[in-house]
PDB file of N, CA and C in Angstrom:
ATOM      1  N   ALA A   1     -10.791  -3.395  64.503  1.00  0.00           N
ATOM      2  CA  ALA A   1     -10.346  -2.354  63.586  1.00  0.00           C
ATOM      3  C   ALA A   1     -11.358  -2.227  62.457  1.00  0.00           C
ATOM      4  N   ALA A   2     -11.622  -1.029  62.036  1.00  0.00           N
ATOM      5  CA  ALA A   2     -12.583  -0.789  60.967  1.00  0.00           C
ATOM      6  C   ALA A   2     -11.987  -1.185  59.620  1.00  0.00           C
ATOM      7  N   LEU A   3     -12.805  -1.830  58.836  1.00  0.00           N
ATOM      8  CA  LEU A   3     -12.389  -2.183  57.488  1.00  0.00           C
ATOM      9  C   LEU A   3     -12.704  -1.015  56.576  1.00  0.00           C
ATOM     10  N   GLY A   4     -11.904  -0.849  55.560  1.00  0.00           N
ATOM     11  CA  GLY A   4     -12.199   0.192  54.583  1.00  0.00           C
ATOM     12  C   GLY A   4     -13.373  -0.209  53.713  1.00  0.00           C
ATOM     13  N   GLU A   5     -13.796   0.706  52.876  1.00  0.00           N
ATOM     14  CA  GLU A   5     -14.889   0.424  51.958  1.00  0.00           C
ATOM     15  C   GLU A   5     -14.450  -0.667  50.983  1.00  0.00           C
ATOM     16  N   ASN A   6     -15.379  -1.516  50.623  1.00  0.00           N
ATOM     17  CA  ASN A   6     -15.049  -2.619  49.733  1.00  0.00           C
ATOM     18  C   ASN A   6     -16.253  -3.001  48.883  1.00  0.00           C
ATOM     19  N   MET A   7     -15.975  -3.753  47.827  1.00  0.00           N
ATOM     20  CA  MET A   7     -17.024  -4.201  46.921  1.00  0.00           C
ATOM     21  C   MET A   7     -16.700  -5.622  46.476  1.00  0.00           C
ATOM     22  N   LEU A   8     -17.730  -6.449  46.460  1.00  0.00           N
ATOM     23  CA  LEU A   8     -17.624  -7.793  45.911  1.00  0.00           C
ATOM     24  C   LEU A   8     -18.482  -7.842  44.652  1.00  0.00           C
ATOM     25  N   VAL A   9     -17.860  -8.241  43.539  1.00  0.00           N
ATOM     26  CA  VAL A   9     -18.598  -8.499  42.308  1.00  0.00           C
ATOM     27  C   VAL A   9     -18.609 -10.020  42.160  1.00  0.00           C
ATOM     28  N   PHE A  10     -19.790 -10.596  42.289  1.00  0.00           N
ATOM     29  CA  PHE A  10     -19.951 -12.048  42.325  1.00  0.00           C
ATOM     30  C   PHE A  10     -20.732 -12.499  41.100  1.00  0.00           C
ATOM     31  N   GLY A  11     -20.176 -13.463  40.383  1.00  0.00           N
ATOM     32  CA  GLY A  11     -20.863 -13.976  39.212  1.00  0.00           C
ATOM     33  C   GLY A  11     -20.985 -15.483  39.213  1.00  0.00           C
ATOM     34  N   CYS A  12     -22.136 -15.955  38.740  1.00  0.00           N
ATOM     35  CA  CYS A  12     -22.378 -17.379  38.558  1.00  0.00           C
ATOM     36  C   CYS A  12     -23.602 -17.527  37.655  1.00  0.00           C
ATOM     37  N   ARG A  13     -24.001 -18.738  37.386  1.00  0.00           N
ATOM     38  CA  ARG A  13     -25.122 -18.954  36.468  1.00  0.00           C
ATOM     39  C   ARG A  13     -26.463 -18.529  37.057  1.00  0.00           C
ATOM     40  N   THR A  14     -26.813 -19.080  38.212  1.00  0.00           N
ATOM     41  CA  THR A  14     -28.113 -18.753  38.804  1.00  0.00           C
ATOM     42  C   THR A  14     -27.970 -18.503  40.298  1.00  0.00           C
ATOM     43  N   SER A  15     -28.783 -17.592  40.793  1.00  0.00           N
ATOM     44  CA  SER A  15     -28.741 -17.293  42.224  1.00  0.00           C
ATOM     45  C   SER A  15     -29.248 -18.468  43.044  1.00  0.00           C
ATOM     46  N   ARG A  16     -30.182 -19.210  42.501  1.00  0.00           N
ATOM     47  CA  ARG A  16     -30.775 -20.321  43.242  1.00  0.00           C
ATOM     48  C   ARG A  16     -29.806 -21.490  43.402  1.00  0.00           C
ATOM     49  N   ASP A  17     -29.082 -21.829  42.346  1.00  0.00           N
ATOM     50  CA  ASP A  17     -28.251 -23.030  42.378  1.00  0.00           C
ATOM     51  C   ASP A  17     -26.765 -22.773  42.646  1.00  0.00           C
ATOM     52  N   ASP A  18     -26.272 -21.585  42.276  1.00  0.00           N
ATOM     53  CA  ASP A  18     -24.824 -21.381  42.267  1.00  0.00           C
ATOM     54  C   ASP A  18     -24.311 -20.262  43.163  1.00  0.00           C
ATOM     55  N   PHE A  19     -25.179 -19.535  43.804  1.00  0.00           N
ATOM     56  CA  PHE A  19     -24.742 -18.402  44.625  1.00  0.00           C
ATOM     57  C   PHE A  19     -24.242 -18.932  45.961  1.00  0.00           C
ATOM     58  N   LEU A  20     -23.013 -19.446  45.931  1.00  0.00           N
ATOM     59  CA  LEU A  20     -22.420 -20.058  47.121  1.00  0.00           C
ATOM     60  C   LEU A  20     -22.277 -19.027  48.236  1.00  0.00           C
ATOM     61  N   TYR A  21     -22.579 -19.429  49.436  1.00  0.00           N
ATOM     62  CA  TYR A  21     -22.478 -18.579  50.617  1.00  0.00           C
ATOM     63  C   TYR A  21     -23.372 -17.346  50.539  1.00  0.00           C
ATOM     64  N   ALA A  22     -24.475 -17.436  49.817  1.00  0.00           N
ATOM     65  CA  ALA A  22     -25.381 -16.288  49.654  1.00  0.00           C
ATOM     66  C   ALA A  22     -25.810 -15.722  51.002  1.00  0.00           C
ATOM     67  N   GLY A  23     -26.184 -16.589  51.922  1.00  0.00           N
ATOM     68  CA  GLY A  23     -26.612 -16.116  53.245  1.00  0.00           C
ATOM     69  C   GLY A  23     -25.515 -15.380  53.975  1.00  0.00           C
ATOM     70  N   GLU A  24     -24.332 -15.941  53.951  1.00  0.00           N
ATOM     71  CA  GLU A  24     -23.197 -15.312  54.626  1.00  0.00           C
ATOM     72  C   GLU A  24     -22.836 -13.979  53.977  1.00  0.00           C
ATOM     73  N   ILE A  25     -22.891 -13.938  52.655  1.00  0.00           N
ATOM     74  CA  ILE A  25     -22.564 -12.697  51.945  1.00  0.00           C
ATOM     75  C   ILE A  25     -23.600 -11.631  52.259  1.00  0.00           C
ATOM     76  N   ARG A  26     -24.867 -12.003  52.266  1.00  0.00           N
ATOM     77  CA  ARG A  26     -25.912 -11.030  52.600  1.00  0.00           C
ATOM     78  C   ARG A  26     -25.772 -10.538  54.042  1.00  0.00           C
ATOM     79  N   ASP A  27     -25.369 -11.441  54.936  1.00  0.00           N
ATOM     80  CA  ASP A  27     -25.118 -11.029  56.322  1.00  0.00           C
ATOM     81  C   ASP A  27     -23.987  -9.998  56.377  1.00  0.00           C
ATOM     82  N   MET A  28     -22.938 -10.194  55.569  1.00  0.00           N
ATOM     83  CA  MET A  28     -21.819  -9.245  55.545  1.00  0.00           C
ATOM     84  C   MET A  28     -22.270  -7.873  55.043  1.00  0.00           C
ATOM     85  N   VAL A  29     -23.197  -7.866  54.094  1.00  0.00           N
ATOM     86  CA  VAL A  29     -23.738  -6.585  53.613  1.00  0.00           C
ATOM     87  C   VAL A  29     -24.563  -5.944  54.720  1.00  0.00           C
ATOM     88  N   GLU A  30     -25.395  -6.740  55.358  1.00  0.00           N
ATOM     89  CA  GLU A  30     -26.267  -6.220  56.409  1.00  0.00           C
ATOM     90  C   GLU A  30     -25.484  -5.656  57.589  1.00  0.00           C
ATOM     91  N   ASN A  31     -24.428  -6.357  57.991  1.00  0.00           N
ATOM     92  CA  ASN A  31     -23.654  -5.862  59.134  1.00  0.00           C
ATOM     93  C   ASN A  31     -22.512  -4.929  58.715  1.00  0.00           C
ATOM     94  N   LYS A  32     -22.494  -4.575  57.418  1.00  0.00           N
ATOM     95  CA  LYS A  32     -21.573  -3.585  56.857  1.00  0.00           C
ATOM     96  C   LYS A  32     -20.114  -4.024  56.829  1.00  0.00           C
ATOM     97  N   THR A  33     -19.875  -5.328  56.948  1.00  0.00           N
ATOM     98  CA  THR A  33     -18.532  -5.851  56.722  1.00  0.00           C
ATOM     99  C   THR A  33     -18.198  -5.733  55.238  1.00  0.00           C
ATOM    100  N   LEU A  34     -19.223  -5.912  54.410  1.00  0.00           N
ATOM    101  CA  LEU A  34     -19.111  -5.755  52.965  1.00  0.00           C
ATOM    102  C   LEU A  34     -19.912  -4.516  52.574  1.00  0.00           C
ATOM    103  N   SER A  35     -19.232  -3.540  51.998  1.00  0.00           N
ATOM    104  CA  SER A  35     -19.877  -2.264  51.671  1.00  0.00           C
ATOM    105  C   SER A  35     -20.826  -2.369  50.488  1.00  0.00           C
ATOM    106  N   HIS A  36     -20.406  -3.099  49.444  1.00  0.00           N
ATOM    107  CA  HIS A  36     -21.199  -3.167  48.211  1.00  0.00           C
ATOM    108  C   HIS A  36     -21.159  -4.587  47.654  1.00  0.00           C
ATOM    109  N   LEU A  37     -22.310  -5.079  47.263  1.00  0.00           N
ATOM    110  CA  LEU A  37     -22.418  -6.371  46.591  1.00  0.00           C
ATOM    111  C   LEU A  37     -23.022  -6.138  45.214  1.00  0.00           C
ATOM    112  N   VAL A  38     -22.329  -6.603  44.197  1.00  0.00           N
ATOM    113  CA  VAL A  38     -22.805  -6.515  42.826  1.00  0.00           C
ATOM    114  C   VAL A  38     -22.831  -7.941  42.288  1.00  0.00           C
ATOM    115  N   THR A  39     -23.975  -8.363  41.756  1.00  0.00           N
ATOM    116  CA  THR A  39     -24.092  -9.733  41.263  1.00  0.00           C
ATOM    117  C   THR A  39     -24.302  -9.773  39.759  1.00  0.00           C
ATOM    118  N   ALA A  40     -23.870 -10.878  39.181  1.00  0.00           N
ATOM    119  CA  ALA A  40     -24.062 -11.137  37.750  1.00  0.00           C
ATOM    120  C   ALA A  40     -24.482 -12.597  37.622  1.00  0.00           C
ATOM    121  N   PHE A  41     -25.770 -12.812  37.424  1.00  0.00           N
ATOM    122  CA  PHE A  41     -26.295 -14.169  37.255  1.00  0.00           C
ATOM    123  C   PHE A  41     -26.596 -14.371  35.773  1.00  0.00           C
ATOM    124  N   SER A  42     -25.759 -15.120  35.109  1.00  0.00           N
ATOM    125  CA  SER A  42     -25.792 -15.183  33.649  1.00  0.00           C
ATOM    126  C   SER A  42     -26.925 -16.017  33.058  1.00  0.00           C
ATOM    127  N   ARG A  43     -27.627 -16.788  33.869  1.00  0.00           N
ATOM    128  CA  ARG A  43     -28.715 -17.613  33.336  1.00  0.00           C
ATOM    129  C   ARG A  43     -30.047 -17.356  34.037  1.00  0.00           C
ATOM    130  N   GLU A  44     -30.195 -16.208  34.649  1.00  0.00           N
ATOM    131  CA  GLU A  44     -31.429 -15.889  35.376  1.00  0.00           C
ATOM    132  C   GLU A  44     -32.550 -15.446  34.438  1.00  0.00           C
ATOM    133  N   VAL A  45     -32.232 -14.605  33.484  1.00  0.00           N
ATOM    134  CA  VAL A  45     -33.240 -14.027  32.598  1.00  0.00           C
ATOM    135  C   VAL A  45     -32.980 -14.512  31.180  1.00  0.00           C
ATOM    136  N   LYS A  46     -33.972 -15.155  30.619  1.00  0.00           N
ATOM    137  CA  LYS A  46     -33.828 -15.691  29.261  1.00  0.00           C
ATOM    138  C   LYS A  46     -33.447 -14.585  28.280  1.00  0.00           C
ATOM    139  N   GLY A  47     -32.429 -14.860  27.476  1.00  0.00           N
ATOM    140  CA  GLY A  47     -31.986 -13.904  26.471  1.00  0.00           C
ATOM    141  C   GLY A  47     -30.979 -12.880  26.966  1.00  0.00           C
ATOM    142  N   GLN A  48     -30.686 -12.900  28.254  1.00  0.00           N
ATOM    143  CA  GLN A  48     -29.682 -11.981  28.812  1.00  0.00           C
ATOM    144  C   GLN A  48     -28.535 -12.788  29.396  1.00  0.00           C
ATOM    145  N   ARG A  49     -27.334 -12.301  29.211  1.00  0.00           N
ATOM    146  CA  ARG A  49     -26.153 -12.982  29.728  1.00  0.00           C
ATOM    147  C   ARG A  49     -25.232 -11.991  30.432  1.00  0.00           C
ATOM    148  N   PRO A  50     -25.654 -11.445  31.568  1.00  0.00           N
ATOM    149  CA  PRO A  50     -24.756 -10.527  32.273  1.00  0.00           C
ATOM    150  C   PRO A  50     -23.632 -11.306  32.963  1.00  0.00           C
ATOM    151  N   TYR A  51     -22.421 -10.926  32.648  1.00  0.00           N
ATOM    152  CA  TYR A  51     -21.257 -11.551  33.263  1.00  0.00           C
ATOM    153  C   TYR A  51     -20.566 -10.542  34.170  1.00  0.00           C
ATOM    154  N   VAL A  52     -19.642 -11.031  34.977  1.00  0.00           N
ATOM    155  CA  VAL A  52     -18.921 -10.177  35.922  1.00  0.00           C
ATOM    156  C   VAL A  52     -18.295  -8.985  35.198  1.00  0.00           C
ATOM    157  N   GLN A  53     -17.666  -9.215  34.057  1.00  0.00           N
ATOM    158  CA  GLN A  53     -17.022  -8.116  33.351  1.00  0.00           C
ATOM    159  C   GLN A  53     -18.018  -7.037  32.921  1.00  0.00           C
ATOM    160  N   HIS A  54     -19.265  -7.421  32.646  1.00  0.00           N
ATOM    161  CA  HIS A  54     -20.286  -6.427  32.315  1.00  0.00           C
ATOM    162  C   HIS A  54     -20.614  -5.569  33.537  1.00  0.00           C
ATOM    163  N   ARG A  55     -20.735  -6.206  34.680  1.00  0.00           N
ATOM    164  CA  ARG A  55     -21.031  -5.465  35.913  1.00  0.00           C
ATOM    165  C   ARG A  55     -19.873  -4.539  36.285  1.00  0.00           C
ATOM    166  N   VAL A  56     -18.652  -5.030  36.091  1.00  0.00           N
ATOM    167  CA  VAL A  56     -17.479  -4.193  36.372  1.00  0.00           C
ATOM    168  C   VAL A  56     -17.504  -2.967  35.467  1.00  0.00           C
ATOM    169  N   ARG A  57     -17.819  -3.166  34.215  1.00  0.00           N
ATOM    170  CA  ARG A  57     -17.866  -2.035  33.271  1.00  0.00           C
ATOM    171  C   ARG A  57     -18.974  -1.048  33.661  1.00  0.00           C
ATOM    172  N   GLU A  58     -20.134  -1.577  34.040  1.00  0.00           N
ATOM    173  CA  GLU A  58     -21.249  -0.717  34.456  1.00  0.00           C
ATOM    174  C   GLU A  58     -20.905   0.101  35.699  1.00  0.00           C
ATOM    175  N   ARG A  59     -20.133  -0.480  36.589  1.00  0.00           N
ATOM    176  CA  ARG A  59     -19.811   0.171  37.863  1.00  0.00           C
ATOM    177  C   ARG A  59     -18.402   0.749  37.893  1.00  0.00           C
ATOM    178  N   ALA A  60     -17.779   0.926  36.726  1.00  0.00           N
ATOM    179  CA  ALA A  60     -16.383   1.366  36.654  1.00  0.00           C
ATOM    180  C   ALA A  60     -16.142   2.643  37.451  1.00  0.00           C
ATOM    181  N   GLY A  61     -17.030   3.605  37.356  1.00  0.00           N
ATOM    182  CA  GLY A  61     -16.858   4.851  38.106  1.00  0.00           C
ATOM    183  C   GLY A  61     -16.816   4.625  39.604  1.00  0.00           C
ATOM    184  N   ASP A  62     -17.738   3.804  40.100  1.00  0.00           N
ATOM    185  CA  ASP A  62     -17.768   3.482  41.537  1.00  0.00           C
ATOM    186  C   ASP A  62     -16.514   2.717  41.952  1.00  0.00           C
ATOM    187  N   ILE A  63     -16.088   1.794  41.101  1.00  0.00           N
ATOM    188  CA  ILE A  63     -14.907   0.981  41.422  1.00  0.00           C
ATOM    189  C   ILE A  63     -13.653   1.842  41.465  1.00  0.00           C
ATOM    190  N   LEU A  64     -13.490   2.728  40.498  1.00  0.00           N
ATOM    191  CA  LEU A  64     -12.313   3.590  40.483  1.00  0.00           C
ATOM    192  C   LEU A  64     -12.299   4.519  41.687  1.00  0.00           C
ATOM    193  N   ARG A  65     -13.462   5.071  42.051  1.00  0.00           N
ATOM    194  CA  ARG A  65     -13.559   5.923  43.239  1.00  0.00           C
ATOM    195  C   ARG A  65     -13.182   5.129  44.494  1.00  0.00           C
ATOM    196  N   LEU A  66     -13.685   3.905  44.582  1.00  0.00           N
ATOM    197  CA  LEU A  66     -13.398   3.028  45.713  1.00  0.00           C
ATOM    198  C   LEU A  66     -11.897   2.763  45.834  1.00  0.00           C
ATOM    199  N   LEU A  67     -11.274   2.408  44.726  1.00  0.00           N
ATOM    200  CA  LEU A  67      -9.842   2.102  44.735  1.00  0.00           C
ATOM    201  C   LEU A  67      -9.011   3.351  45.032  1.00  0.00           C
ATOM    202  N   ASP A  68      -9.401   4.489  44.476  1.00  0.00           N
ATOM    203  CA  ASP A  68      -8.696   5.748  44.748  1.00  0.00           C
ATOM    204  C   ASP A  68      -8.717   6.090  46.231  1.00  0.00           C
ATOM    205  N   ALA A  69      -9.796   5.723  46.905  1.00  0.00           N
ATOM    206  CA  ALA A  69      -9.951   6.028  48.336  1.00  0.00           C
ATOM    207  C   ALA A  69      -9.298   4.967  49.227  1.00  0.00           C
ATOM    208  N   GLY A  70      -8.588   4.015  48.617  1.00  0.00           N
ATOM    209  CA  GLY A  70      -7.916   2.977  49.399  1.00  0.00           C
ATOM    210  C   GLY A  70      -8.783   1.769  49.685  1.00  0.00           C
ATOM    211  N   GLY A  71      -9.932   1.685  49.027  1.00  0.00           N
ATOM    212  CA  GLY A  71     -10.830   0.549  49.232  1.00  0.00           C
ATOM    213  C   GLY A  71     -10.351  -0.692  48.500  1.00  0.00           C
ATOM    214  N   HIS A  72     -11.132  -1.733  48.616  1.00  0.00           N
ATOM    215  CA  HIS A  72     -10.766  -3.025  48.044  1.00  0.00           C
ATOM    216  C   HIS A  72     -11.877  -3.553  47.150  1.00  0.00           C
ATOM    217  N   LEU A  73     -11.466  -4.134  46.039  1.00  0.00           N
ATOM    218  CA  LEU A  73     -12.381  -4.769  45.107  1.00  0.00           C
ATOM    219  C   LEU A  73     -12.118  -6.266  45.131  1.00  0.00           C
ATOM    220  N   TYR A  74     -13.170  -7.040  45.308  1.00  0.00           N
ATOM    221  CA  TYR A  74     -13.089  -8.495  45.275  1.00  0.00           C
ATOM    222  C   TYR A  74     -13.949  -8.981  44.120  1.00  0.00           C
ATOM    223  N   VAL A  75     -13.416  -9.903  43.352  1.00  0.00           N
ATOM    224  CA  VAL A  75     -14.122 -10.439  42.197  1.00  0.00           C
ATOM    225  C   VAL A  75     -14.206 -11.943  42.358  1.00  0.00           C
ATOM    226  N   CYS A  76     -15.406 -12.481  42.197  1.00  0.00           N
ATOM    227  CA  CYS A  76     -15.615 -13.911  42.353  1.00  0.00           C
ATOM    228  C   CYS A  76     -16.375 -14.445  41.147  1.00  0.00           C
ATOM    229  N   GLY A  77     -15.799 -15.421  40.491  1.00  0.00           N
ATOM    230  CA  GLY A  77     -16.409 -16.047  39.323  1.00  0.00           C
ATOM    231  C   GLY A  77     -15.415 -17.020  38.728  1.00  0.00           C
ATOM    232  N   LEU A  78     -15.679 -17.444  37.533  1.00  0.00           N
ATOM    233  CA  LEU A  78     -14.761 -18.349  36.853  1.00  0.00           C
ATOM    234  C   LEU A  78     -13.457 -17.628  36.531  1.00  0.00           C
ATOM    235  N   THR A  79     -12.356 -18.346  36.618  1.00  0.00           N
ATOM    236  CA  THR A  79     -11.061 -17.730  36.326  1.00  0.00           C
ATOM    237  C   THR A  79     -10.960 -17.291  34.870  1.00  0.00           C
ATOM    238  N   ALA A  80     -11.751 -17.889  33.997  1.00  0.00           N
ATOM    239  CA  ALA A  80     -11.706 -17.549  32.577  1.00  0.00           C
ATOM    240  C   ALA A  80     -12.087 -16.092  32.319  1.00  0.00           C
ATOM    241  N   MET A  81     -12.811 -15.453  33.229  1.00  0.00           N
ATOM    242  CA  MET A  81     -13.258 -14.089  32.993  1.00  0.00           C
ATOM    243  C   MET A  81     -12.251 -13.048  33.468  1.00  0.00           C
ATOM    244  N   ALA A  82     -11.151 -13.456  34.055  1.00  0.00           N
ATOM    245  CA  ALA A  82     -10.189 -12.509  34.622  1.00  0.00           C
ATOM    246  C   ALA A  82      -9.674 -11.512  33.581  1.00  0.00           C
ATOM    247  N   LYS A  83      -9.329 -11.970  32.403  1.00  0.00           N
ATOM    248  CA  LYS A  83      -8.822 -11.078  31.359  1.00  0.00           C
ATOM    249  C   LYS A  83      -9.891 -10.058  30.970  1.00  0.00           C
ATOM    250  N   ASP A  84     -11.142 -10.494  30.864  1.00  0.00           N
ATOM    251  CA  ASP A  84     -12.231  -9.593  30.490  1.00  0.00           C
ATOM    252  C   ASP A  84     -12.523  -8.572  31.591  1.00  0.00           C
ATOM    253  N   VAL A  85     -12.345  -8.957  32.843  1.00  0.00           N
ATOM    254  CA  VAL A  85     -12.529  -8.015  33.955  1.00  0.00           C
ATOM    255  C   VAL A  85     -11.436  -6.947  33.899  1.00  0.00           C
ATOM    256  N   LYS A  86     -10.214  -7.373  33.660  1.00  0.00           N
ATOM    257  CA  LYS A  86      -9.099  -6.419  33.534  1.00  0.00           C
ATOM    258  C   LYS A  86      -9.364  -5.449  32.389  1.00  0.00           C
ATOM    259  N   THR A  87      -9.844  -5.958  31.265  1.00  0.00           N
ATOM    260  CA  THR A  87     -10.165  -5.113  30.114  1.00  0.00           C
ATOM    261  C   THR A  87     -11.276  -4.129  30.456  1.00  0.00           C
ATOM    262  N   ALA A  88     -12.297  -4.584  31.171  1.00  0.00           N
ATOM    263  CA  ALA A  88     -13.412  -3.715  31.552  1.00  0.00           C
ATOM    264  C   ALA A  88     -12.939  -2.573  32.447  1.00  0.00           C
ATOM    265  N   LEU A  89     -12.046  -2.876  33.395  1.00  0.00           N
ATOM    266  CA  LEU A  89     -11.502  -1.818  34.257  1.00  0.00           C
ATOM    267  C   LEU A  89     -10.652  -0.843  33.452  1.00  0.00           C
ATOM    268  N   ALA A  90      -9.845  -1.377  32.542  1.00  0.00           N
ATOM    269  CA  ALA A  90      -9.009  -0.515  31.699  1.00  0.00           C
ATOM    270  C   ALA A  90      -9.881   0.390  30.828  1.00  0.00           C
ATOM    271  N   GLN A  91     -10.959  -0.149  30.270  1.00  0.00           N
ATOM    272  CA  GLN A  91     -11.872   0.660  29.456  1.00  0.00           C
ATOM    273  C   GLN A  91     -12.493   1.778  30.290  1.00  0.00           C
ATOM    274  N   GLY A  92     -12.822   1.458  31.525  1.00  0.00           N
ATOM    275  CA  GLY A  92     -13.367   2.469  32.423  1.00  0.00           C
ATOM    276  C   GLY A  92     -12.373   3.601  32.653  1.00  0.00           C
ATOM    277  N   MET A  93     -11.107   3.263  32.820  1.00  0.00           N
ATOM    278  CA  MET A  93     -10.082   4.289  33.024  1.00  0.00           C
ATOM    279  C   MET A  93      -9.912   5.145  31.771  1.00  0.00           C
ATOM    280  N   VAL A  94      -9.966   4.522  30.614  1.00  0.00           N
ATOM    281  CA  VAL A  94      -9.842   5.261  29.357  1.00  0.00           C
ATOM    282  C   VAL A  94     -11.022   6.213  29.194  1.00  0.00           C
ATOM    283  N   GLU A  95     -12.225   5.708  29.387  1.00  0.00           N
ATOM    284  CA  GLU A  95     -13.428   6.509  29.151  1.00  0.00           C
ATOM    285  C   GLU A  95     -13.687   7.550  30.235  1.00  0.00           C
ATOM    286  N   LEU A  96     -13.452   7.188  31.484  1.00  0.00           N
ATOM    287  CA  LEU A  96     -13.792   8.095  32.582  1.00  0.00           C
ATOM    288  C   LEU A  96     -12.672   9.052  32.954  1.00  0.00           C
ATOM    289  N   ARG A  97     -11.442   8.655  32.641  1.00  0.00           N
ATOM    290  CA  ARG A  97     -10.309   9.488  33.052  1.00  0.00           C
ATOM    291  C   ARG A  97      -9.430   9.946  31.905  1.00  0.00           C
ATOM    292  N   GLY A  98      -9.717   9.475  30.719  1.00  0.00           N
ATOM    293  CA  GLY A  98      -8.921   9.873  29.568  1.00  0.00           C
ATOM    294  C   GLY A  98      -7.529   9.285  29.559  1.00  0.00           C
ATOM    295  N   VAL A  99      -7.337   8.209  30.304  1.00  0.00           N
ATOM    296  CA  VAL A  99      -6.041   7.536  30.356  1.00  0.00           C
ATOM    297  C   VAL A  99      -5.823   6.807  29.037  1.00  0.00           C
ATOM    298  N   LYS A 100      -4.594   6.806  28.561  1.00  0.00           N
ATOM    299  CA  LYS A 100      -4.265   6.084  27.325  1.00  0.00           C
ATOM    300  C   LYS A 100      -4.404   4.588  27.565  1.00  0.00           C
ATOM    301  N   GLY A 101      -4.757   3.831  26.513  1.00  0.00           N
ATOM    302  CA  GLY A 101      -5.013   2.398  26.615  1.00  0.00           C
ATOM    303  C   GLY A 101      -3.928   1.610  27.330  1.00  0.00           C
ATOM    304  N   ALA A 102      -2.671   1.758  26.915  1.00  0.00           N
ATOM    305  CA  ALA A 102      -1.573   1.001  27.518  1.00  0.00           C
ATOM    306  C   ALA A 102      -1.359   1.404  28.980  1.00  0.00           C
ATOM    307  N   GLU A 103      -1.524   2.678  29.265  1.00  0.00           N
ATOM    308  CA  GLU A 103      -1.361   3.176  30.631  1.00  0.00           C
ATOM    309  C   GLU A 103      -2.457   2.639  31.550  1.00  0.00           C
ATOM    310  N   ALA A 104      -3.655   2.466  31.013  1.00  0.00           N
ATOM    311  CA  ALA A 104      -4.791   1.983  31.804  1.00  0.00           C
ATOM    312  C   ALA A 104      -4.567   0.552  32.281  1.00  0.00           C
ATOM    313  N   GLU A 105      -3.877  -0.231  31.475  1.00  0.00           N
ATOM    314  CA  GLU A 105      -3.640  -1.616  31.862  1.00  0.00           C
ATOM    315  C   GLU A 105      -2.573  -1.689  32.901  1.00  0.00           C
TER     316      GLU A 105
END
């Protein structure tokens, strides 16, 4: 059965040391089991700290389109960032769709 469109937002400190299952994930992208891979490596570039919630905010339009079409969003990172990811998605709904703050959550 065909899988719907999906996106994985994966965050960790470094791609070299912490990107668990990198080979398997790249294989899923290559064979189209995984439609979109977005990464956030927070210690790759000195002076930059991109976290999962930043990537979610940057891709909010794509994520909302994906979810509207029945697709699936997968988020992988520390559990501590869950609240910030939810906030980033809510901000995207407010800014891109004009949804009121409480309604967006």
